[in-house]
Amino acid sequence: MQVTRRKTLQWSVRAAALAAAGVAGVGLVTDRADAQKPATGRRVVMISIDGLAAVNLDDPKVPLPNIRQLAAEGASAKAMTVVTPSVTWPNHTTLVTGVTPGKHGVLGNGKIEPSTGATPMVINPRRSKEELCRVPTFYDLAHAAGMQTAEINWPVTREAPTLNWTFPDHPDPIRYTTPALVQELQAQKILTGPEDADFRVLGQVTRDQVWTQAAVHLIRRHRPQVLLLHLLNTDGTQHTHGPQTTEGYTSLALADSHVGQVLQALKETGQRESTAVFVVADHGFCKITRQIKPNARLRAKGLIRPASGGNAGALEYEAQSIAEGGVALVYVPKKLFHPELLEKTRAALQGMEGVERIYTSQELPELGLGLHPRDAQMPDFLLAAKDGYSFSNDTTGEEVVALARPNGTHGFVHTNPKMDAAFVASGAGIKRGVKLERMRNVDVAPTAARLLGLTMRDVDGKVLEEILDSGTGN
């Protein structure tokens, strides 16, 4: 879908406003970025396999023939450090922006929206890319340079004005998919109908197949210079059954076959030699046996209580914890009027079983979460869980409960090695046989931009020069 003048103007106005406000101190999509021109003639295809931990690349129990072939023909990392919290949307946003959540502003799988009094804070996944992400992506720069850009199931892309073709990770994905793409996918029998209800009836395994077929269709018919693809079945399966299980290994093997379909399409259309292919992930996985319920502790301490006015079941929140797997974000909405609530909340949360550390707002920059203190997204405290524990939003019952059966989760602080994600890059502009000990996912976007002949400015990451062929650059 061609970007309309209205949407382009909206993006320019938003960029100018953010630049004037000095949000996060990053380089926005301004005239400086628009002036860049692609110099390489390369393409970038980035495939994210949700929850593909770094350890899986060398684990003989996981059949990954296509991904390992890419690694052998190109570059890989023994470990890729992710960002905190190690959940899907923050890390996918980092993969395309090259900055931490403290700068791009995505702290959960949606926007954290304030309490309206008797209602709790919530994570709203229905916001647009412009409402969620505060900084430019490498595909924004590519589009400004005249390249065709596309995404399939990539988070934080709803109504992105710099994507020519889009099928976003969103609760209502078909509604926000490029209309022409919906028609084409129906004609190819990839989509069974034009409504979200038609898509919702599909299971997670079938959805991955649909998304893969959609990506293959774009490669064959539209040949975008930038294509992002996010596969999700691996995440759901490891949540249910845990990592390092037969079910988890099977889901990863299926994802590898989807990678193979994309590679085959590139080869058959003559695009493989000009394409740099990245296989990345947003986080690893931990096995969990117990859940911590900070909101139950806050309720026991009177910081969450039944609402006045006789509204049965309603609660009032002077403090609230939002679970993100291995971390919990704690907010004190009324702190400006009642500063003593901060200390009261901190004291209430001390000594909980399974909590490894309580970070204050002043300590959040250690985790890449140095948002502006008046930003509603920034928590007042962050709770980090110990190994084997995760957090729950439940306000009732015991503070810590044993799970009926172990499962898997993520969301832990980025220093937890089990959160290390996979990284592989192969193809145009990539050296052969490079094995990095460790890299950071903030390095992915500037490296992808360099391969396209573009430069991302004022990012937290760096170009991975050591994996690039000599002469790769602007």
Foldseek 3Di string as FASTA:
>chain_A
DAFDPVLVVVQAVLQVVLVVVCQLVFDAPDVVLLPFAFDQLFFEEEEAEAAFFLVLLPDPVFDQVQQVVLCQQFNWESFAFFFFQLDAQQRLVLLFALAHCQRQVAHACAFFACDPFLRHTDGDNADALSVHTNHDGLLQSVLSNPFAAEEFQRGSHQPPSSHPFYQYVGLWRLVRGDVVLLVVCVVVVLQVDSGSVSVVVDDLLSSQVSSLVSLLVCCQPPNTRYYYYYRDPLPVQQQAANPPDPSNSVVSNSVSVSVVSNCVSCVVNVNQQRYKYKYKYSWHKAKAFKAFALLQLCVVLVQKAADPDPPPPTIGHQKAWDWQWQKIFMARVCCVVPVVSLVVSVVSPPPTPFWPDKAALVRCVVRSNVHDPPDPRHGRIMTGGDGNYGYDRDNDDDRMDTDPDMGMHGRGGSVPSSTTMIIGIHHPFFHRDHYHHYHYSSQNNQQSSQQRQGGGPPRPHHHPVVGGDPPRGD
